[in-house]
């Protein structure tokens, strides 16, 4: 890659960051961290909290749980589809039996 192409790529990325407010957000969080009278022991958590992200969350555990729940949804959807599908074959209980007869009785 030529020097100009790298420079252009950097400039495009800078414009992207600026256009989407990322530079302002990062500047604010860094100024806030700088102005903190007592510096936090976990500055990354401070930055996450400042930007509205969760802190103390096990992302990998959440991803695994999400995958398990997706599989469970697929299983349940298959069961719903199976139970919702119309059946042409008679059920086991009525197999070989005559269809029920409706008898009307005259009312007085």
PDB file of N, CA and C in Angstrom:
ATOM      1  N   UNK A   1       0.843  -1.167   0.000  1.00  0.00           N
ATOM      2  CA  UNK A   1       0.000   0.000   0.000  1.00  0.00           C
ATOM      3  C   UNK A   1       0.892   1.235   0.000  1.00  0.00           C
ATOM      4  N   UNK A   2       0.514   2.212  -0.771  1.00  0.00           N
ATOM      5  CA  UNK A   2       1.327   3.422  -0.835  1.00  0.00           C
ATOM      6  C   UNK A   2       1.038   4.307   0.374  1.00  0.00           C
ATOM      7  N   UNK A   3       1.918   5.249   0.564  1.00  0.00           N
ATOM      8  CA  UNK A   3       1.801   6.174   1.692  1.00  0.00           C
ATOM      9  C   UNK A   3       0.508   6.981   1.597  1.00  0.00           C
ATOM     10  N   UNK A   4       0.137   7.387   0.380  1.00  0.00           N
ATOM     11  CA  UNK A   4      -1.079   8.177   0.184  1.00  0.00           C
ATOM     12  C   UNK A   4      -2.330   7.356   0.482  1.00  0.00           C
ATOM     13  N   UNK A   5      -2.313   6.093   0.103  1.00  0.00           N
ATOM     14  CA  UNK A   5      -3.465   5.235   0.362  1.00  0.00           C
ATOM     15  C   UNK A   5      -3.670   5.043   1.858  1.00  0.00           C
ATOM     16  N   UNK A   6      -2.579   4.881   2.603  1.00  0.00           N
ATOM     17  CA  UNK A   6      -2.665   4.726   4.049  1.00  0.00           C
ATOM     18  C   UNK A   6      -3.186   6.018   4.669  1.00  0.00           C
ATOM     19  N   UNK A   7      -2.652   7.151   4.204  1.00  0.00           N
ATOM     20  CA  UNK A   7      -3.100   8.455   4.698  1.00  0.00           C
ATOM     21  C   UNK A   7      -4.589   8.656   4.423  1.00  0.00           C
ATOM     22  N   UNK A   8      -5.032   8.288   3.244  1.00  0.00           N
ATOM     23  CA  UNK A   8      -6.439   8.442   2.876  1.00  0.00           C
ATOM     24  C   UNK A   8      -7.320   7.547   3.750  1.00  0.00           C
ATOM     25  N   UNK A   9      -6.845   6.348   4.000  1.00  0.00           N
ATOM     26  CA  UNK A   9      -7.599   5.406   4.840  1.00  0.00           C
ATOM     27  C   UNK A   9      -7.744   5.961   6.259  1.00  0.00           C
ATOM     28  N   UNK A  10      -6.666   6.522   6.789  1.00  0.00           N
ATOM     29  CA  UNK A  10      -6.709   7.119   8.126  1.00  0.00           C
ATOM     30  C   UNK A  10      -7.672   8.303   8.153  1.00  0.00           C
ATOM     31  N   UNK A  11      -7.617   9.122   7.129  1.00  0.00           N
ATOM     32  CA  UNK A  11      -8.492  10.299   7.058  1.00  0.00           C
ATOM     33  C   UNK A  11      -9.953   9.878   6.963  1.00  0.00           C
ATOM     34  N   UNK A  12     -10.242   8.861   6.161  1.00  0.00           N
ATOM     35  CA  UNK A  12     -11.615   8.353   6.047  1.00  0.00           C
ATOM     36  C   UNK A  12     -12.117   7.827   7.390  1.00  0.00           C
ATOM     37  N   UNK A  13     -11.245   7.136   8.111  1.00  0.00           N
ATOM     38  CA  UNK A  13     -11.635   6.600   9.418  1.00  0.00           C
ATOM     39  C   UNK A  13     -11.871   7.731  10.416  1.00  0.00           C
ATOM     40  N   UNK A  14     -11.019   8.754  10.387  1.00  0.00           N
ATOM     41  CA  UNK A  14     -11.188   9.905  11.274  1.00  0.00           C
ATOM     42  C   UNK A  14     -12.524  10.590  10.996  1.00  0.00           C
ATOM     43  N   UNK A  15     -12.866  10.750   9.720  1.00  0.00           N
ATOM     44  CA  UNK A  15     -14.147  11.368   9.350  1.00  0.00           C
ATOM     45  C   UNK A  15     -15.316  10.515   9.837  1.00  0.00           C
ATOM     46  N   UNK A  16     -15.173   9.215   9.721  1.00  0.00           N
ATOM     47  CA  UNK A  16     -16.198   8.288  10.204  1.00  0.00           C
ATOM     48  C   UNK A  16     -16.419   8.465  11.709  1.00  0.00           C
ATOM     49  N   UNK A  17     -15.308   8.505  12.463  1.00  0.00           N
ATOM     50  CA  UNK A  17     -15.402   8.686  13.914  1.00  0.00           C
ATOM     51  C   UNK A  17     -16.040  10.019  14.262  1.00  0.00           C
ATOM     52  N   UNK A  18     -15.643  11.046  13.556  1.00  0.00           N
ATOM     53  CA  UNK A  18     -16.182  12.382  13.825  1.00  0.00           C
ATOM     54  C   UNK A  18     -17.661  12.460  13.463  1.00  0.00           C
ATOM     55  N   UNK A  19     -18.023  11.942  12.310  1.00  0.00           N
ATOM     56  CA  UNK A  19     -19.409  11.984  11.830  1.00  0.00           C
ATOM     57  C   UNK A  19     -20.359  11.285  12.797  1.00  0.00           C
ATOM     58  N   UNK A  20     -19.920  10.206  13.402  1.00  0.00           N
ATOM     59  CA  UNK A  20     -20.779   9.417  14.289  1.00  0.00           C
ATOM     60  C   UNK A  20     -20.678   9.799  15.762  1.00  0.00           C
ATOM     61  N   UNK A  21     -19.967  10.874  16.062  1.00  0.00           N
ATOM     62  CA  UNK A  21     -19.903  11.370  17.434  1.00  0.00           C
ATOM     63  C   UNK A  21     -18.981  10.595  18.352  1.00  0.00           C
ATOM     64  N   UNK A  22     -18.172   9.732  17.786  1.00  0.00           N
ATOM     65  CA  UNK A  22     -17.298   8.900  18.611  1.00  0.00           C
ATOM     66  C   UNK A  22     -16.171   9.723  19.221  1.00  0.00           C
ATOM     67  N   UNK A  23     -15.613  10.625  18.436  1.00  0.00           N
ATOM     68  CA  UNK A  23     -14.520  11.459  18.946  1.00  0.00           C
ATOM     69  C   UNK A  23     -15.013  12.299  20.124  1.00  0.00           C
ATOM     70  N   UNK A  24     -16.204  12.896  19.992  1.00  0.00           N
ATOM     71  CA  UNK A  24     -16.751  13.692  21.094  1.00  0.00           C
ATOM     72  C   UNK A  24     -17.001  12.842  22.334  1.00  0.00           C
ATOM     73  N   UNK A  25     -17.561  11.654  22.147  1.00  0.00           N
ATOM     74  CA  UNK A  25     -17.859  10.785  23.289  1.00  0.00           C
ATOM     75  C   UNK A  25     -16.578  10.357  23.994  1.00  0.00           C
ATOM     76  N   UNK A  26     -15.566   9.989  23.218  1.00  0.00           N
ATOM     77  CA  UNK A  26     -14.298   9.577  23.826  1.00  0.00           C
ATOM     78  C   UNK A  26     -13.609  10.748  24.517  1.00  0.00           C
ATOM     79  N   UNK A  27     -13.690  11.911  23.920  1.00  0.00           N
ATOM     80  CA  UNK A  27     -13.099  13.103  24.541  1.00  0.00           C
ATOM     81  C   UNK A  27     -13.763  13.381  25.876  1.00  0.00           C
ATOM     82  N   UNK A  28     -15.086  13.318  25.905  1.00  0.00           N
ATOM     83  CA  UNK A  28     -15.820  13.579  27.152  1.00  0.00           C
ATOM     84  C   UNK A  28     -15.454  12.571  28.238  1.00  0.00           C
ATOM     85  N   UNK A  29     -15.385  11.283  27.873  1.00  0.00           N
ATOM     86  CA  UNK A  29     -15.072  10.279  28.880  1.00  0.00           C
ATOM     87  C   UNK A  29     -13.643  10.444  29.385  1.00  0.00           C
ATOM     88  N   UNK A  30     -12.719  10.782  28.501  1.00  0.00           N
ATOM     89  CA  UNK A  30     -11.330  10.966  28.936  1.00  0.00           C
ATOM     90  C   UNK A  30     -11.180  12.210  29.793  1.00  0.00           C
ATOM     91  N   UNK A  31     -11.894  13.278  29.458  1.00  0.00           N
ATOM     92  CA  UNK A  31     -11.870  14.487  30.296  1.00  0.00           C
ATOM     93  C   UNK A  31     -12.483  14.162  31.655  1.00  0.00           C
ATOM     94  N   UNK A  32     -13.581  13.413  31.659  1.00  0.00           N
ATOM     95  CA  UNK A  32     -14.207  13.030  32.924  1.00  0.00           C
ATOM     96  C   UNK A  32     -13.264  12.199  33.782  1.00  0.00           C
ATOM     97  N   UNK A  33     -12.548  11.292  33.167  1.00  0.00           N
ATOM     98  CA  UNK A  33     -11.572  10.477  33.889  1.00  0.00           C
ATOM     99  C   UNK A  33     -10.440  11.341  34.418  1.00  0.00           C
ATOM    100  N   UNK A  34      -9.984  12.283  33.622  1.00  0.00           N
ATOM    101  CA  UNK A  34      -8.909  13.194  34.025  1.00  0.00           C
ATOM    102  C   UNK A  34      -9.337  14.051  35.205  1.00  0.00           C
ATOM    103  N   UNK A  35     -10.595  14.479  35.211  1.00  0.00           N
ATOM    104  CA  UNK A  35     -11.085  15.382  36.255  1.00  0.00           C
ATOM    105  C   UNK A  35     -11.548  14.648  37.507  1.00  0.00           C
ATOM    106  N   UNK A  36     -11.589  13.343  37.488  1.00  0.00           N
ATOM    107  CA  UNK A  36     -11.956  12.570  38.680  1.00  0.00           C
ATOM    108  C   UNK A  36     -10.958  12.861  39.782  1.00  0.00           C
ATOM    109  N   UNK A  37     -11.423  13.289  40.954  1.00  0.00           N
ATOM    110  CA  UNK A  37     -10.486  13.565  42.045  1.00  0.00           C
ATOM    111  C   UNK A  37      -9.757  12.295  42.511  1.00  0.00           C
ATOM    112  N   UNK A  38     -10.487  11.209  42.587  1.00  0.00           N
ATOM    113  CA  UNK A  38      -9.876   9.930  42.956  1.00  0.00           C
ATOM    114  C   UNK A  38      -9.963   9.022  41.736  1.00  0.00           C
ATOM    115  N   UNK A  39      -8.832   8.710  41.193  1.00  0.00           N
ATOM    116  CA  UNK A  39      -8.809   7.889  39.978  1.00  0.00           C
ATOM    117  C   UNK A  39      -9.331   6.490  40.289  1.00  0.00           C
ATOM    118  N   UNK A  40     -10.218   5.977  39.444  1.00  0.00           N
ATOM    119  CA  UNK A  40     -10.775   4.639  39.677  1.00  0.00           C
ATOM    120  C   UNK A  40      -9.717   3.559  39.484  1.00  0.00           C
ATOM    121  N   UNK A  41      -9.870   2.476  40.254  1.00  0.00           N
ATOM    122  CA  UNK A  41      -8.938   1.362  40.141  1.00  0.00           C
ATOM    123  C   UNK A  41      -9.139   0.598  38.828  1.00  0.00           C
ATOM    124  N   UNK A  42     -10.337   0.657  38.311  1.00  0.00           N
ATOM    125  CA  UNK A  42     -10.647  -0.039  37.053  1.00  0.00           C
ATOM    126  C   UNK A  42     -11.100   1.008  36.025  1.00  0.00           C
ATOM    127  N   UNK A  43     -10.154   1.673  35.370  1.00  0.00           N
ATOM    128  CA  UNK A  43     -10.535   2.737  34.441  1.00  0.00           C
ATOM    129  C   UNK A  43     -11.357   2.237  33.250  1.00  0.00           C
ATOM    130  N   UNK A  44     -11.145   1.014  32.827  1.00  0.00           N
ATOM    131  CA  UNK A  44     -11.942   0.484  31.709  1.00  0.00           C
ATOM    132  C   UNK A  44     -13.410   0.387  32.123  1.00  0.00           C
ATOM    133  N   UNK A  45     -13.668  -0.089  33.346  1.00  0.00           N
ATOM    134  CA  UNK A  45     -15.047  -0.144  33.840  1.00  0.00           C
ATOM    135  C   UNK A  45     -15.641   1.254  33.957  1.00  0.00           C
ATOM    136  N   UNK A  46     -14.829   2.208  34.377  1.00  0.00           N
ATOM    137  CA  UNK A  46     -15.270   3.602  34.462  1.00  0.00           C
ATOM    138  C   UNK A  46     -15.709   4.080  33.081  1.00  0.00           C
ATOM    139  N   UNK A  47     -14.897   3.794  32.073  1.00  0.00           N
ATOM    140  CA  UNK A  47     -15.206   4.232  30.713  1.00  0.00           C
ATOM    141  C   UNK A  47     -16.472   3.532  30.208  1.00  0.00           C
ATOM    142  N   UNK A  48     -16.590   2.244  30.471  1.00  0.00           N
ATOM    143  CA  UNK A  48     -17.795   1.509  30.061  1.00  0.00           C
ATOM    144  C   UNK A  48     -19.035   2.115  30.705  1.00  0.00           C
ATOM    145  N   UNK A  49     -18.937   2.390  32.003  1.00  0.00           N
ATOM    146  CA  UNK A  49     -20.071   2.959  32.727  1.00  0.00           C
ATOM    147  C   UNK A  49     -20.406   4.338  32.182  1.00  0.00           C
ATOM    148  N   UNK A  50     -19.387   5.141  31.916  1.00  0.00           N
ATOM    149  CA  UNK A  50     -19.585   6.489  31.395  1.00  0.00           C
ATOM    150  C   UNK A  50     -20.283   6.439  30.039  1.00  0.00           C
ATOM    151  N   UNK A  51     -19.929   5.470  29.223  1.00  0.00           N
ATOM    152  CA  UNK A  51     -20.513   5.356  27.892  1.00  0.00           C
ATOM    153  C   UNK A  51     -21.841   4.599  27.901  1.00  0.00           C
ATOM    154  N   UNK A  52     -22.239   4.116  29.081  1.00  0.00           N
ATOM    155  CA  UNK A  52     -23.525   3.448  29.204  1.00  0.00           C
ATOM    156  C   UNK A  52     -23.473   1.949  29.028  1.00  0.00           C
ATOM    157  N   UNK A  53     -22.299   1.386  28.992  1.00  0.00           N
ATOM    158  CA  UNK A  53     -22.171  -0.058  28.829  1.00  0.00           C
ATOM    159  C   UNK A  53     -22.236  -0.767  30.163  1.00  0.00           C
ATOM    160  N   UNK A  54     -22.548  -2.050  30.137  1.00  0.00           N
ATOM    161  CA  UNK A  54     -22.584  -2.805  31.380  1.00  0.00           C
ATOM    162  C   UNK A  54     -21.171  -3.068  31.895  1.00  0.00           C
ATOM    163  N   UNK A  55     -21.034  -3.077  33.200  1.00  0.00           N
ATOM    164  CA  UNK A  55     -19.732  -3.423  33.775  1.00  0.00           C
ATOM    165  C   UNK A  55     -19.929  -4.636  34.669  1.00  0.00           C
ATOM    166  N   UNK A  56     -18.905  -5.430  34.786  1.00  0.00           N
ATOM    167  CA  UNK A  56     -18.991  -6.629  35.614  1.00  0.00           C
ATOM    168  C   UNK A  56     -19.845  -7.715  35.001  1.00  0.00           C
ATOM    169  N   UNK A  57     -19.998  -7.696  33.692  1.00  0.00           N
ATOM    170  CA  UNK A  57     -20.826  -8.682  33.017  1.00  0.00           C
ATOM    171  C   UNK A  57     -19.916  -9.665  32.280  1.00  0.00           C
ATOM    172  N   UNK A  58     -20.216 -10.941  32.429  1.00  0.00           N
ATOM    173  CA  UNK A  58     -19.448 -11.971  31.747  1.00  0.00           C
ATOM    174  C   UNK A  58     -20.045 -12.152  30.352  1.00  0.00           C
ATOM    175  N   UNK A  59     -19.446 -11.489  29.388  1.00  0.00           N
ATOM    176  CA  UNK A  59     -19.971 -11.488  28.027  1.00  0.00           C
ATOM    177  C   UNK A  59     -19.968 -12.893  27.434  1.00  0.00           C
ATOM    178  N   UNK A  60     -18.928 -13.647  27.685  1.00  0.00           N
ATOM    179  CA  UNK A  60     -18.846 -14.996  27.125  1.00  0.00           C
ATOM    180  C   UNK A  60     -19.973 -15.887  27.672  1.00  0.00           C
ATOM    181  N   UNK A  61     -20.272 -15.752  28.955  1.00  0.00           N
ATOM    182  CA  UNK A  61     -21.366 -16.533  29.543  1.00  0.00           C
ATOM    183  C   UNK A  61     -22.701 -16.133  28.918  1.00  0.00           C
ATOM    184  N   UNK A  62     -22.875 -14.845  28.650  1.00  0.00           N
ATOM    185  CA  UNK A  62     -24.105 -14.381  28.015  1.00  0.00           C
ATOM    186  C   UNK A  62     -24.223 -14.913  26.593  1.00  0.00           C
ATOM    187  N   UNK A  63     -23.105 -14.961  25.879  1.00  0.00           N
ATOM    188  CA  UNK A  63     -23.125 -15.503  24.519  1.00  0.00           C
ATOM    189  C   UNK A  63     -23.511 -16.981  24.526  1.00  0.00           C
ATOM    190  N   UNK A  64     -22.935 -17.725  25.470  1.00  0.00           N
ATOM    191  CA  UNK A  64     -23.241 -19.156  25.567  1.00  0.00           C
ATOM    192  C   UNK A  64     -24.714 -19.360  25.910  1.00  0.00           C
ATOM    193  N   UNK A  65     -25.216 -18.576  26.864  1.00  0.00           N
ATOM    194  CA  UNK A  65     -26.620 -18.681  27.235  1.00  0.00           C
ATOM    195  C   UNK A  65     -27.516 -18.340  26.049  1.00  0.00           C
ATOM    196  N   UNK A  66     -27.120 -17.329  25.290  1.00  0.00           N
ATOM    197  CA  UNK A  66     -27.879 -16.926  24.116  1.00  0.00           C
ATOM    198  C   UNK A  66     -27.952 -18.071  23.101  1.00  0.00           C
ATOM    199  N   UNK A  67     -26.840 -18.738  22.857  1.00  0.00           N
ATOM    200  CA  UNK A  67     -26.815 -19.871  21.919  1.00  0.00           C
ATOM    201  C   UNK A  67     -27.729 -20.998  22.411  1.00  0.00           C
ATOM    202  N   UNK A  68     -27.666 -21.292  23.711  1.00  0.00           N
ATOM    203  CA  UNK A  68     -28.515 -22.346  24.277  1.00  0.00           C
ATOM    204  C   UNK A  68     -29.992 -21.993  24.124  1.00  0.00           C
ATOM    205  N   UNK A  69     -30.315 -20.724  24.354  1.00  0.00           N
ATOM    206  CA  UNK A  69     -31.703 -20.290  24.234  1.00  0.00           C
ATOM    207  C   UNK A  69     -32.172 -20.328  22.777  1.00  0.00           C
ATOM    208  N   UNK A  70     -31.282 -20.008  21.853  1.00  0.00           N
ATOM    209  CA  UNK A  70     -31.645 -20.092  20.433  1.00  0.00           C
ATOM    210  C   UNK A  70     -31.970 -21.535  20.052  1.00  0.00           C
ATOM    211  N   UNK A  71     -31.152 -22.486  20.551  1.00  0.00           N
ATOM    212  CA  UNK A  71     -31.413 -23.897  20.264  1.00  0.00           C
ATOM    213  C   UNK A  71     -32.752 -24.324  20.857  1.00  0.00           C
ATOM    214  N   UNK A  72     -33.020 -23.856  22.065  1.00  0.00           N
ATOM    215  CA  UNK A  72     -34.285 -24.206  22.735  1.00  0.00           C
ATOM    216  C   UNK A  72     -35.475 -23.647  21.956  1.00  0.00           C
ATOM    217  N   UNK A  73     -35.339 -22.431  21.450  1.00  0.00           N
ATOM    218  CA  UNK A  73     -36.405 -21.826  20.651  1.00  0.00           C
ATOM    219  C   UNK A  73     -36.648 -22.659  19.398  1.00  0.00           C
ATOM    220  N   UNK A  74     -35.577 -23.101  18.745  1.00  0.00           N
ATOM    221  CA  UNK A  74     -35.722 -23.938  17.554  1.00  0.00           C
ATOM    222  C   UNK A  74     -36.452 -25.233  17.885  1.00  0.00           C
ATOM    223  N   UNK A  75     -36.082 -25.857  19.013  1.00  0.00           N
ATOM    224  CA  UNK A  75     -36.737 -27.099  19.422  1.00  0.00           C
ATOM    225  C   UNK A  75     -38.229 -26.864  19.671  1.00  0.00           C
ATOM    226  N   UNK A  76     -38.529 -25.794  20.384  1.00  0.00           N
ATOM    227  CA  UNK A  76     -39.925 -25.502  20.703  1.00  0.00           C
ATOM    228  C   UNK A  76     -40.718 -25.134  19.450  1.00  0.00           C
ATOM    229  N   UNK A  77     -40.087 -24.411  18.529  1.00  0.00           N
ATOM    230  CA  UNK A  77     -40.766 -24.061  17.284  1.00  0.00           C
ATOM    231  C   UNK A  77     -41.077 -25.309  16.475  1.00  0.00           C
ATOM    232  N   UNK A  78     -40.138 -26.252  16.450  1.00  0.00           N
ATOM    233  CA  UNK A  78     -40.371 -27.511  15.742  1.00  0.00           C
ATOM    234  C   UNK A  78     -41.541 -28.258  16.378  1.00  0.00           C
ATOM    235  N   UNK A  79     -41.619 -28.253  17.703  1.00  0.00           N
ATOM    236  CA  UNK A  79     -42.714 -28.916  18.409  1.00  0.00           C
ATOM    237  C   UNK A  79     -44.048 -28.242  18.093  1.00  0.00           C
ATOM    238  N   UNK A  80     -44.056 -26.905  18.071  1.00  0.00           N
ATOM    239  CA  UNK A  80     -45.272 -26.165  17.733  1.00  0.00           C
ATOM    240  C   UNK A  80     -45.704 -26.507  16.312  1.00  0.00           C
ATOM    241  N   UNK A  81     -44.751 -26.516  15.387  1.00  0.00           N
ATOM    242  CA  UNK A  81     -45.066 -26.852  14.002  1.00  0.00           C
ATOM    243  C   UNK A  81     -45.638 -28.265  13.899  1.00  0.00           C
ATOM    244  N   UNK A  82     -45.036 -29.187  14.652  1.00  0.00           N
ATOM    245  CA  UNK A  82     -45.490 -30.574  14.641  1.00  0.00           C
ATOM    246  C   UNK A  82     -46.914 -30.686  15.170  1.00  0.00           C
ATOM    247  N   UNK A  83     -47.202 -29.983  16.252  1.00  0.00           N
ATOM    248  CA  UNK A  83     -48.531 -30.057  16.865  1.00  0.00           C
ATOM    249  C   UNK A  83     -49.571 -29.268  16.078  1.00  0.00           C
ATOM    250  N   UNK A  84     -49.134 -28.265  15.330  1.00  0.00           N
ATOM    251  CA  UNK A  84     -50.054 -27.434  14.559  1.00  0.00           C
ATOM    252  C   UNK A  84     -50.402 -28.045  13.217  1.00  0.00           C
ATOM    253  N   UNK A  85     -49.565 -28.934  12.725  1.00  0.00           N
ATOM    254  CA  UNK A  85     -49.775 -29.513  11.400  1.00  0.00           C
ATOM    255  C   UNK A  85     -51.042 -30.360  11.399  1.00  0.00           C
ATOM    256  N   UNK A  86     -51.891 -30.152  10.396  1.00  0.00           N
ATOM    257  CA  UNK A  86     -53.103 -30.991  10.320  1.00  0.00           C
ATOM    258  C   UNK A  86     -52.714 -32.426   9.988  1.00  0.00           C
ATOM    259  N   UNK A  87     -53.431 -33.344  10.594  1.00  0.00           N
ATOM    260  CA  UNK A  87     -53.138 -34.761  10.351  1.00  0.00           C
ATOM    261  C   UNK A  87     -54.282 -35.370   9.571  1.00  0.00           C
ATOM    262  N   UNK A  88     -53.948 -36.191   8.606  1.00  0.00           N
ATOM    263  CA  UNK A  88     -54.962 -36.888   7.816  1.00  0.00           C
ATOM    264  C   UNK A  88     -55.233 -38.274   8.368  1.00  0.00           C
ATOM    265  N   UNK A  89     -54.286 -38.815   9.089  1.00  0.00           N
ATOM    266  CA  UNK A  89     -54.449 -40.146   9.652  1.00  0.00           C
ATOM    267  C   UNK A  89     -55.259 -40.045  10.928  1.00  0.00           C
ATOM    268  N   UNK A  90     -56.106 -41.039  11.182  1.00  0.00           N
ATOM    269  CA  UNK A  90     -56.876 -41.017  12.437  1.00  0.00           C
ATOM    270  C   UNK A  90     -55.949 -41.203  13.631  1.00  0.00           C
ATOM    271  N   UNK A  91     -56.334 -40.641  14.740  1.00  0.00           N
ATOM    272  CA  UNK A  91     -55.515 -40.775  15.941  1.00  0.00           C
ATOM    273  C   UNK A  91     -55.639 -42.188  16.492  1.00  0.00           C
ATOM    274  N   UNK A  92     -54.773 -42.565  17.391  1.00  0.00           N
ATOM    275  CA  UNK A  92     -54.760 -43.912  17.955  1.00  0.00           C
ATOM    276  C   UNK A  92     -56.063 -44.226  18.687  1.00  0.00           C
ATOM    277  N   UNK A  93     -56.623 -43.221  19.361  1.00  0.00           N
ATOM    278  CA  UNK A  93     -57.813 -43.454  20.176  1.00  0.00           C
ATOM    279  C   UNK A  93     -59.022 -43.771  19.308  1.00  0.00           C
ATOM    280  N   UNK A  94     -59.107 -43.175  18.131  1.00  0.00           N
ATOM    281  CA  UNK A  94     -60.294 -43.388  17.310  1.00  0.00           C
ATOM    282  C   UNK A  94     -60.023 -44.319  16.135  1.00  0.00           C
ATOM    283  N   UNK A  95     -58.918 -44.988  16.139  1.00  0.00           N
ATOM    284  CA  UNK A  95     -58.548 -45.857  15.026  1.00  0.00           C
ATOM    285  C   UNK A  95     -59.538 -47.016  14.936  1.00  0.00           C
ATOM    286  N   UNK A  96     -60.148 -47.156  13.772  1.00  0.00           N
ATOM    287  CA  UNK A  96     -61.077 -48.256  13.551  1.00  0.00           C
ATOM    288  C   UNK A  96     -62.464 -47.993  14.102  1.00  0.00           C
ATOM    289  N   UNK A  97     -62.667 -46.938  14.808  1.00  0.00           N
ATOM    290  CA  UNK A  97     -63.965 -46.646  15.395  1.00  0.00           C
ATOM    291  C   UNK A  97     -64.787 -45.827  14.406  1.00  0.00           C
ATOM    292  N   UNK A  98     -66.086 -45.980  14.502  1.00  0.00           N
ATOM    293  CA  UNK A  98     -66.991 -45.211  13.645  1.00  0.00           C
ATOM    294  C   UNK A  98     -67.003 -43.769  14.121  1.00  0.00           C
ATOM    295  N   UNK A  99     -67.268 -42.857  13.204  1.00  0.00           N
ATOM    296  CA  UNK A  99     -67.322 -41.456  13.625  1.00  0.00           C
ATOM    297  C   UNK A  99     -68.476 -41.239  14.583  1.00  0.00           C
ATOM    298  N   UNK A 100     -68.374 -40.286  15.474  1.00  0.00           N
ATOM    299  CA  UNK A 100     -69.442 -40.064  16.450  1.00  0.00           C
ATOM    300  C   UNK A 100     -70.734 -39.624  15.745  1.00  0.00           C
ATOM    301  N   UNK A 101     -71.834 -40.087  16.285  1.00  0.00           N
ATOM    302  CA  UNK A 101     -73.137 -39.753  15.724  1.00  0.00           C
ATOM    303  C   UNK A 101     -73.797 -38.717  16.624  1.00  0.00           C
ATOM    304  N   UNK A 102     -74.342 -37.704  15.976  1.00  0.00           N
ATOM    305  CA  UNK A 102     -75.033 -36.661  16.748  1.00  0.00           C
ATOM    306  C   UNK A 102     -76.533 -36.963  16.684  1.00  0.00           C
ATOM    307  N   UNK A 103     -77.136 -37.081  17.822  1.00  0.00           N
ATOM    308  CA  UNK A 103     -78.546 -37.377  17.900  1.00  0.00           C
ATOM    309  C   UNK A 103     -79.240 -36.172  18.486  1.00  0.00           C
ATOM    310  N   UNK A 104     -80.233 -35.683  17.739  1.00  0.00           N
ATOM    311  CA  UNK A 104     -80.977 -34.547  18.248  1.00  0.00           C
ATOM    312  C   UNK A 104     -82.242 -35.069  18.914  1.00  0.00           C
ATOM    313  N   UNK A 105     -82.512 -34.525  20.074  1.00  0.00           N
ATOM    314  CA  UNK A 105     -83.737 -34.916  20.780  1.00  0.00           C
ATOM    315  C   UNK A 105     -84.719 -33.769  20.709  1.00  0.00           C
ATOM    316  N   UNK A 106     -85.954 -34.070  20.495  1.00  0.00           N
ATOM    317  CA  UNK A 106     -86.957 -32.982  20.413  1.00  0.00           C
ATOM    318  C   UNK A 106     -87.126 -32.334  21.781  1.00  0.00           C
ATOM    319  N   UNK A 107     -87.283 -31.032  21.720  1.00  0.00           N
ATOM    320  CA  UNK A 107     -87.492 -30.302  22.980  1.00  0.00           C
ATOM    321  C   UNK A 107     -88.972 -30.073  23.174  1.00  0.00           C
ATOM    322  N   UNK A 108     -89.427 -30.135  24.385  1.00  0.00           N
ATOM    323  CA  UNK A 108     -90.843 -30.009  24.678  1.00  0.00           C
ATOM    324  C   UNK A 108     -91.320 -28.596  24.701  1.00  0.00           C
TER     325      UNK A 108
END
